[in-house]
Amino acid sequence: MTDLFWPGDERAGAHFTAEDFVGALLTVEEEWLGRGLDGRVDAEQLAMDAEAGGSPVIPLVRLLRERDEAAHRGLTSQDVVDSALMLMASAACADLRRDLAAVIDRLATLAVEHRGTPMVARTLTQHAVPTTFGFRVAAWLTAVLDADDDVVRLVFPRQVGGAAGTRAAIVELGRELPPDVPRWHTTRAPVTRLGDALVGCTDACARIANDVLTMSRPEIGELAEGTGGGSSTMPGKANPVLSVLIRRAALTTPQLASTLHLAAAQQVDDRADGAWHAEWATLRDLVRRTLVAASQAVDLVTGLRVDGDRMAATLAAAGDAVLAEQRSLSDHPAPTYLGDAAAYVDHVVARAAGRPA
């Protein structure tokens, strides 16, 4: 899948495409039926037919019952859509974690390599105190590890509630389900938690990209992307395009997650009137944009160029001003005083090595 309005969208592969959605809907129906439902389903035609009932499941069931009259018995449309969304989300998050793992591994290596590379820390855009680039990378790594932890904690429950969550038809059919199996037609925590975890991933990727954007400015020149992007009017320009596109994602995904929360807050009765429908395309965009950003983050950190000499020169040029904190605490501050920065780097790298598989 490509999207001219979102360069790089193809990095998200087939996740949450129309074809992926149809395939997931079919999988849910087949698993419930207990046997396969042969034949092709045209995604475009299904989309055209979905408006009349407000759901793609209604025309899908008409088609499936031509093949097997028992298809869909006991379920409702929301059971199938919710289960399909969770099925797709589970697969997407598995791929997302692979990219996060690649980012984590590369950042851990960078943190160790630059554990003692001196640079000036900046607070509120100004020079502050001495630090190391390894310490900065450890901060990036912490954010990605936190994001990965949130993805690991996600659950992707199936929805089996029947028309209003009572499972009346399911009981009538003699099918038994444990009473503690969740019925979340109007309690949307599985969706909002997914949205929050995805935004956490774009936040973490943007944490890296924002520093690269700042530190690759020519007047700073401490970092550079491995392969800069070109300009339509200035052929010699090397723009930090990966960082720009990652930042683009982080500027838009929070609003998508807020839509999911708004939809959750607008649930009514036993099946919602529009709030549920608002989730589908929102999740599609949120999932795909997060996958794209994570993939771009892999390329960014893999090709990142670090100019340690420039970092040291900037620190030296800052002079004694960056030692003001140490002077306030001691009459004889070490000129390169770094506190326990190295220990923090070691701690974060160890955390990365012990993360869940």
Protein backbone atom coordinates (compact mmCIF):
# COMPACT_ATOMS: atom_id res chain seq x y z
CA MET A 1 0.00 0.00 0.00
CA THR A 2 1.21 3.49 -0.82
CA ASP A 3 -0.14 6.88 0.16
CA LEU A 4 0.93 10.01 -1.69
CA PHE A 5 -0.27 12.07 1.28
CA TRP A 6 1.97 10.13 3.69
CA PRO A 7 5.39 9.45 2.17
CA GLY A 8 6.80 6.19 3.47
CA ASP A 9 3.40 4.61 4.10
CA GLU A 10 4.49 1.48 2.24
CA ARG A 11 6.74 0.66 5.21
CA ALA A 12 3.58 -0.40 7.07
CA GLY A 13 3.05 -3.19 4.56
CA ALA A 14 -0.38 -4.79 4.41
CA HIS A 15 -1.31 -3.98 8.00
CA PHE A 16 -4.80 -2.47 8.33
CA THR A 17 -5.36 -2.31 4.59
CA ALA A 18 -8.83 -3.06 3.23
CA GLU A 19 -7.64 -6.52 2.22
CA ASP A 20 -6.20 -7.13 5.69
CA PHE A 21 -9.52 -6.09 7.22
CA VAL A 22 -11.50 -8.43 4.99
CA GLY A 23 -9.11 -11.27 5.74
CA ALA A 24 -9.43 -10.69 9.48
CA LEU A 25 -13.24 -10.55 9.27
CA LEU A 26 -13.22 -13.86 7.41
CA THR A 27 -10.85 -15.42 9.94
CA VAL A 28 -13.15 -14.44 12.80
CA GLU A 29 -16.21 -15.87 11.02
CA GLU A 30 -14.39 -19.10 10.13
CA GLU A 31 -13.05 -19.60 13.64
CA TRP A 32 -16.53 -19.14 15.07
CA LEU A 33 -18.07 -21.49 12.53
CA GLY A 34 -15.31 -24.03 13.01
CA ARG A 35 -14.67 -24.54 9.32
CA GLY A 36 -13.51 -22.69 6.27
CA LEU A 37 -15.69 -20.50 4.07
CA ASP A 38 -14.39 -20.95 0.56
CA GLY A 39 -14.44 -18.23 -2.05
CA ARG A 40 -13.09 -14.78 -2.65
CA VAL A 41 -14.48 -11.62 -1.06
CA ASP A 42 -13.99 -8.42 -3.03
CA ALA A 43 -12.90 -5.70 -0.61
CA GLU A 44 -13.96 -2.84 -2.85
CA GLN A 45 -17.44 -4.25 -3.39
CA LEU A 46 -17.79 -4.95 0.31
CA ALA A 47 -16.90 -1.33 1.03
CA MET A 48 -19.51 -0.14 -1.46
CA ASP A 49 -22.16 -2.31 0.15
CA ALA A 50 -21.26 -1.41 3.75
CA GLU A 51 -22.93 2.00 3.87
CA ALA A 52 -26.50 0.70 3.86
CA GLY A 53 -26.06 -1.04 7.21
CA GLY A 54 -23.16 1.01 8.54
CA SER A 55 -20.91 -2.04 8.79
CA PRO A 56 -19.00 -4.27 6.36
CA VAL A 57 -20.15 -7.32 8.29
CA ILE A 58 -23.75 -7.11 7.09
CA PRO A 59 -23.01 -7.55 3.36
CA LEU A 60 -20.24 -10.01 4.27
CA VAL A 61 -22.67 -12.24 6.17
CA ARG A 62 -25.11 -12.19 3.25
CA LEU A 63 -22.32 -13.43 1.03
CA LEU A 64 -21.07 -16.03 3.50
CA ARG A 65 -24.51 -17.50 4.10
CA GLU A 66 -24.72 -18.27 0.41
CA ARG A 67 -21.82 -20.62 1.12
CA ASP A 68 -22.83 -21.86 4.58
CA GLU A 69 -26.18 -21.07 6.22
CA ALA A 70 -24.68 -21.48 9.69
CA ALA A 71 -22.18 -18.65 9.22
CA HIS A 72 -22.28 -15.89 11.85
CA ARG A 73 -25.01 -17.55 13.95
CA GLY A 74 -24.90 -16.19 17.51
CA LEU A 75 -22.66 -13.24 16.68
CA THR A 76 -23.38 -9.62 15.99
CA SER A 77 -21.56 -7.26 13.65
CA GLN A 78 -19.60 -5.62 16.43
CA ASP A 79 -18.33 -8.99 17.64
CA VAL A 80 -16.78 -9.60 14.25
CA VAL A 81 -15.38 -6.11 13.68
CA ASP A 82 -13.92 -5.77 17.17
CA SER A 83 -12.34 -9.22 16.98
CA ALA A 84 -10.95 -8.47 13.52
CA LEU A 85 -9.46 -5.17 14.73
CA MET A 86 -7.76 -6.95 17.61
CA LEU A 87 -6.49 -9.68 15.29
CA MET A 88 -4.98 -7.10 12.96
CA ALA A 89 -3.59 -5.06 15.86
CA SER A 90 -1.87 -8.11 17.34
CA ALA A 91 -0.08 -8.82 14.06
CA ALA A 92 0.86 -5.16 13.60
CA CYS A 93 2.26 -4.91 17.12
CA ALA A 94 4.38 -8.01 16.55
CA ASP A 95 6.02 -6.25 13.60
CA LEU A 96 6.24 -3.02 15.56
CA ARG A 97 8.14 -4.78 18.34
CA ARG A 98 10.64 -6.13 15.83
CA ASP A 99 11.45 -2.60 14.73
CA LEU A 100 11.56 -1.36 18.32
CA ALA A 101 13.98 -4.19 19.11
CA ALA A 102 16.25 -3.08 16.27
CA VAL A 103 16.18 0.50 17.56
CA ILE A 104 16.88 -0.67 21.11
CA ASP A 105 19.82 -2.83 20.07
CA ARG A 106 21.42 -0.05 18.05
CA LEU A 107 20.91 2.54 20.78
CA ALA A 108 22.43 0.21 23.37
CA THR A 109 25.50 -0.15 21.16
CA LEU A 110 25.73 3.62 20.63
CA ALA A 111 25.38 4.28 24.36
CA VAL A 112 28.28 1.98 25.14
CA GLU A 113 30.43 3.32 22.30
CA HIS A 114 29.91 6.91 23.45
CA ARG A 115 29.78 6.31 27.20
CA GLY A 116 32.76 8.66 27.57
CA THR A 117 32.25 10.97 24.58
CA PRO A 118 32.07 14.45 26.16
CA MET A 119 29.56 17.04 25.06
CA VAL A 120 27.69 19.94 26.54
CA ALA A 121 24.24 19.33 27.98
CA ARG A 122 21.58 21.80 26.93
CA THR A 123 18.60 22.90 28.98
CA LEU A 124 15.97 25.33 27.72
CA THR A 125 18.09 25.50 24.51
CA GLN A 126 21.17 26.84 26.36
CA HIS A 127 24.45 25.30 27.48
CA ALA A 128 24.14 23.81 30.95
CA VAL A 129 26.77 21.35 32.28
CA PRO A 130 29.11 18.71 30.82
CA THR A 131 27.59 15.39 29.86
CA THR A 132 28.37 12.58 27.43
CA PHE A 133 26.71 11.57 24.22
CA GLY A 134 26.30 8.11 25.69
CA PHE A 135 24.17 9.64 28.45
CA ARG A 136 22.01 11.37 25.84
CA VAL A 137 21.58 8.10 23.96
CA ALA A 138 20.64 6.37 27.22
CA ALA A 139 17.79 8.87 27.56
CA TRP A 140 16.62 7.97 24.06
CA LEU A 141 16.92 4.29 24.91
CA THR A 142 14.91 4.69 28.10
CA ALA A 143 12.03 6.21 26.14
CA VAL A 144 12.02 3.37 23.60
CA LEU A 145 12.22 0.74 26.33
CA ASP A 146 9.27 2.33 28.13
CA ALA A 147 7.29 2.33 24.87
CA ASP A 148 8.15 -1.30 24.22
CA ASP A 149 7.04 -2.23 27.73
CA ASP A 150 3.64 -0.67 27.04
CA VAL A 151 3.27 -2.66 23.82
CA VAL A 152 4.24 -5.88 25.62
CA ARG A 153 1.48 -5.30 28.18
CA LEU A 154 -1.25 -5.01 25.55
CA VAL A 155 -3.94 -7.65 25.29
CA PHE A 156 -6.01 -8.27 22.18
CA PRO A 157 -9.29 -9.81 23.35
CA ARG A 158 -11.86 -11.25 21.00
CA GLN A 159 -15.40 -9.91 21.24
CA VAL A 160 -18.19 -12.46 21.70
CA GLY A 161 -21.23 -10.79 23.18
CA GLY A 162 -24.06 -11.23 20.74
CA ALA A 163 -26.63 -8.58 19.97
CA ALA A 164 -26.41 -6.72 23.29
CA GLY A 165 -23.69 -8.50 25.21
CA THR A 166 -26.04 -11.01 26.86
CA ARG A 167 -25.02 -13.90 24.57
CA ALA A 168 -28.67 -14.94 24.38
CA ALA A 169 -28.38 -16.47 20.92
CA ILE A 170 -25.12 -18.19 21.84
CA VAL A 171 -26.77 -19.84 24.84
CA GLU A 172 -29.78 -20.77 22.72
CA LEU A 173 -27.44 -22.47 20.28
CA GLY A 174 -26.00 -24.50 23.14
CA ARG A 175 -22.53 -22.99 22.88
CA GLU A 176 -20.81 -22.32 26.18
CA LEU A 177 -18.37 -19.54 26.92
CA PRO A 178 -16.79 -18.82 30.31
CA PRO A 179 -18.64 -15.94 32.02
CA ASP A 180 -15.38 -14.09 32.63
CA VAL A 181 -14.65 -13.74 28.91
CA PRO A 182 -14.88 -9.95 28.45
CA ARG A 183 -17.80 -8.31 26.71
CA TRP A 184 -16.53 -4.89 25.82
CA HIS A 185 -19.06 -3.54 23.33
CA THR A 186 -19.27 -0.27 25.24
CA THR A 187 -16.19 -0.46 27.47
CA ARG A 188 -13.37 0.37 25.10
CA ALA A 189 -10.22 -0.02 27.18
CA PRO A 190 -8.67 -2.54 24.76
CA VAL A 191 -8.84 0.11 22.05
CA THR A 192 -7.74 3.12 24.10
CA ARG A 193 -4.84 1.19 25.64
CA LEU A 194 -3.73 0.19 22.18
CA GLY A 195 -3.92 3.79 21.03
CA ASP A 196 -1.96 5.04 24.04
CA ALA A 197 0.78 2.43 23.53
CA LEU A 198 1.14 3.36 19.88
CA VAL A 199 1.43 7.05 20.70
CA GLY A 200 4.08 6.16 23.26
CA CYS A 201 6.07 4.60 20.43
CA THR A 202 5.88 7.69 18.23
CA ASP A 203 6.75 9.84 21.25
CA ALA A 204 9.89 7.77 21.83
CA CYS A 205 10.91 7.85 18.18
CA ALA A 206 10.38 11.60 18.06
CA ARG A 207 12.54 11.99 21.16
CA ILE A 208 15.43 10.77 19.01
CA ALA A 209 14.41 12.63 15.87
CA ASN A 210 14.05 15.97 17.62
CA ASP A 211 17.60 15.79 18.97
CA VAL A 212 18.93 14.80 15.55
CA LEU A 213 17.10 17.73 13.96
CA THR A 214 18.65 20.15 16.45
CA MET A 215 22.12 18.67 16.64
CA SER A 216 22.45 18.32 12.87
CA ARG A 217 21.96 22.05 12.28
CA PRO A 218 25.10 23.31 10.49
CA GLU A 219 25.92 25.70 13.33
CA ILE A 220 25.98 22.74 15.75
CA GLY A 221 26.99 19.84 13.49
CA GLU A 222 27.32 17.18 16.18
CA LEU A 223 25.05 14.62 14.48
CA ALA A 224 24.02 13.84 10.92
CA GLU A 225 21.70 11.37 9.28
CA GLY A 226 23.45 8.66 7.31
CA THR A 227 21.78 9.67 4.06
CA GLY A 228 20.24 13.10 3.94
CA GLY A 229 17.35 13.92 1.66
CA GLY A 230 17.65 16.26 -1.29
CA SER A 231 16.01 19.56 -2.11
CA SER A 232 14.04 20.45 -5.23
CA THR A 233 15.79 23.82 -5.48
CA MET A 234 19.15 23.30 -3.73
CA PRO A 235 20.85 20.18 -5.14
CA GLY A 236 23.67 20.15 -2.60
CA LYS A 237 21.42 20.24 0.45
CA ALA A 238 21.18 17.16 2.71
CA ASN A 239 17.99 17.45 4.71
CA PRO A 240 17.42 15.22 7.79
CA VAL A 241 14.37 13.71 6.13
CA LEU A 242 13.97 10.64 8.32
CA SER A 243 13.87 12.81 11.43
CA VAL A 244 11.38 15.17 9.77
CA LEU A 245 9.04 12.31 8.87
CA ILE A 246 9.27 10.72 12.32
CA ARG A 247 8.45 14.07 13.90
CA ARG A 248 5.51 14.38 11.48
CA ALA A 249 4.06 11.16 12.88
CA ALA A 250 4.49 12.27 16.48
CA LEU A 251 2.67 15.52 15.70
CA THR A 252 -0.41 13.65 14.47
CA THR A 253 -0.76 10.41 16.40
CA PRO A 254 -1.80 11.97 19.75
CA GLN A 255 -4.86 13.47 18.08
CA LEU A 256 -5.78 10.04 16.71
CA ALA A 257 -5.53 8.51 20.18
CA SER A 258 -7.63 11.34 21.57
CA THR A 259 -10.33 10.41 19.05
CA LEU A 260 -10.30 6.88 20.46
CA HIS A 261 -10.72 8.27 23.98
CA LEU A 262 -13.49 10.58 22.84
CA ALA A 263 -15.25 7.64 21.22
CA ALA A 264 -14.86 5.65 24.45
CA ALA A 265 -16.36 8.49 26.45
CA GLN A 266 -19.34 8.71 24.08
CA GLN A 267 -20.44 5.09 24.47
CA VAL A 268 -24.15 4.72 25.28
CA ASP A 269 -26.65 1.94 25.97
CA ASP A 270 -25.40 -1.54 25.06
CA ARG A 271 -24.13 -0.71 21.56
CA ALA A 272 -22.94 2.76 20.62
CA ASP A 273 -24.37 4.96 17.88
CA GLY A 274 -21.36 6.24 15.93
CA ALA A 275 -18.66 6.24 18.57
CA TRP A 276 -17.73 2.65 17.72
CA HIS A 277 -17.70 3.43 14.02
CA ALA A 278 -15.26 6.29 14.56
CA GLU A 279 -12.60 3.87 15.77
CA TRP A 280 -11.98 1.89 12.59
CA ALA A 281 -10.27 4.40 10.31
CA THR A 282 -8.70 6.10 13.32
CA LEU A 283 -7.00 2.87 14.31
CA ARG A 284 -5.92 2.26 10.73
CA ASP A 285 -4.13 5.60 10.53
CA LEU A 286 -2.66 5.32 14.02
CA VAL A 287 -1.31 1.81 13.48
CA ARG A 288 0.15 2.52 10.06
CA ARG A 289 1.74 5.83 11.06
CA THR A 290 3.34 4.21 14.10
CA LEU A 291 4.72 1.34 12.03
CA VAL A 292 6.15 3.79 9.50
CA ALA A 293 7.76 5.93 12.20
CA ALA A 294 9.32 2.91 13.92
CA SER A 295 10.71 1.61 10.64
CA GLN A 296 12.17 5.02 9.85
CA ALA A 297 13.66 5.17 13.36
CA VAL A 298 15.53 1.93 12.62
CA ASP A 299 17.12 3.52 9.58
CA LEU A 300 17.81 6.74 11.47
CA VAL A 301 19.73 5.20 14.35
CA THR A 302 21.46 2.64 12.15
CA GLY A 303 22.93 5.29 9.87
CA LEU A 304 23.42 8.02 12.47
CA ARG A 305 26.79 9.78 12.19
CA VAL A 306 28.30 11.11 15.42
CA ASP A 307 30.97 13.82 15.36
CA GLY A 308 32.70 13.41 18.72
CA ASP A 309 35.34 15.99 17.87
CA ARG A 310 32.68 18.61 17.22
CA MET A 311 30.99 17.75 20.50
CA ALA A 312 34.27 18.13 22.40
CA ALA A 313 35.04 21.42 20.67
CA THR A 314 31.60 22.83 21.55
CA LEU A 315 32.10 21.82 25.18
CA ALA A 316 35.55 23.39 25.27
CA ALA A 317 34.28 26.61 23.69
CA ALA A 318 31.60 26.87 26.39
CA GLY A 319 34.41 27.54 28.87
CA ASP A 320 34.01 27.76 32.60
CA ALA A 321 30.34 28.73 32.40
CA VAL A 322 29.33 25.06 32.15
CA LEU A 323 31.00 24.34 35.52
CA ALA A 324 28.86 26.78 37.50
CA GLU A 325 26.88 23.99 39.17
CA GLN A 326 30.06 22.24 40.33
CA ARG A 327 31.57 25.48 41.64
CA SER A 328 28.51 26.07 43.77
CA LEU A 329 29.12 22.71 45.45
CA SER A 330 32.91 22.50 45.70
CA ASP A 331 35.98 24.70 45.76
CA HIS A 332 37.80 22.29 43.46
CA PRO A 333 35.37 20.85 40.93
CA ALA A 334 36.65 18.28 38.49
CA PRO A 335 36.76 20.04 35.13
CA THR A 336 34.88 17.24 33.41
CA TYR A 337 32.61 16.36 36.33
CA LEU A 338 29.85 14.02 35.07
CA GLY A 339 28.18 12.75 38.22
CA ASP A 340 26.95 9.17 37.75
CA ALA A 341 26.24 9.52 34.03
CA ALA A 342 28.33 6.46 33.19
CA ALA A 343 26.52 4.37 35.78
CA TYR A 344 23.18 5.42 34.32
CA VAL A 345 24.32 4.38 30.85
CA ASP A 346 25.31 0.98 32.19
CA HIS A 347 21.97 0.59 33.97
CA VAL A 348 19.91 1.38 30.87
CA VAL A 349 22.02 -0.85 28.64
CA ALA A 350 21.53 -3.70 31.12
CA ARG A 351 17.79 -3.05 31.07
CA ALA A 352 17.83 -3.27 27.28
CA ALA A 353 19.65 -6.60 27.42
CA GLY A 354 17.04 -8.01 29.81
CA ARG A 355 13.90 -6.79 28.06
CA PRO A 356 11.04 -9.23 27.31
CA ALA A 357 11.37 -11.21 24.12
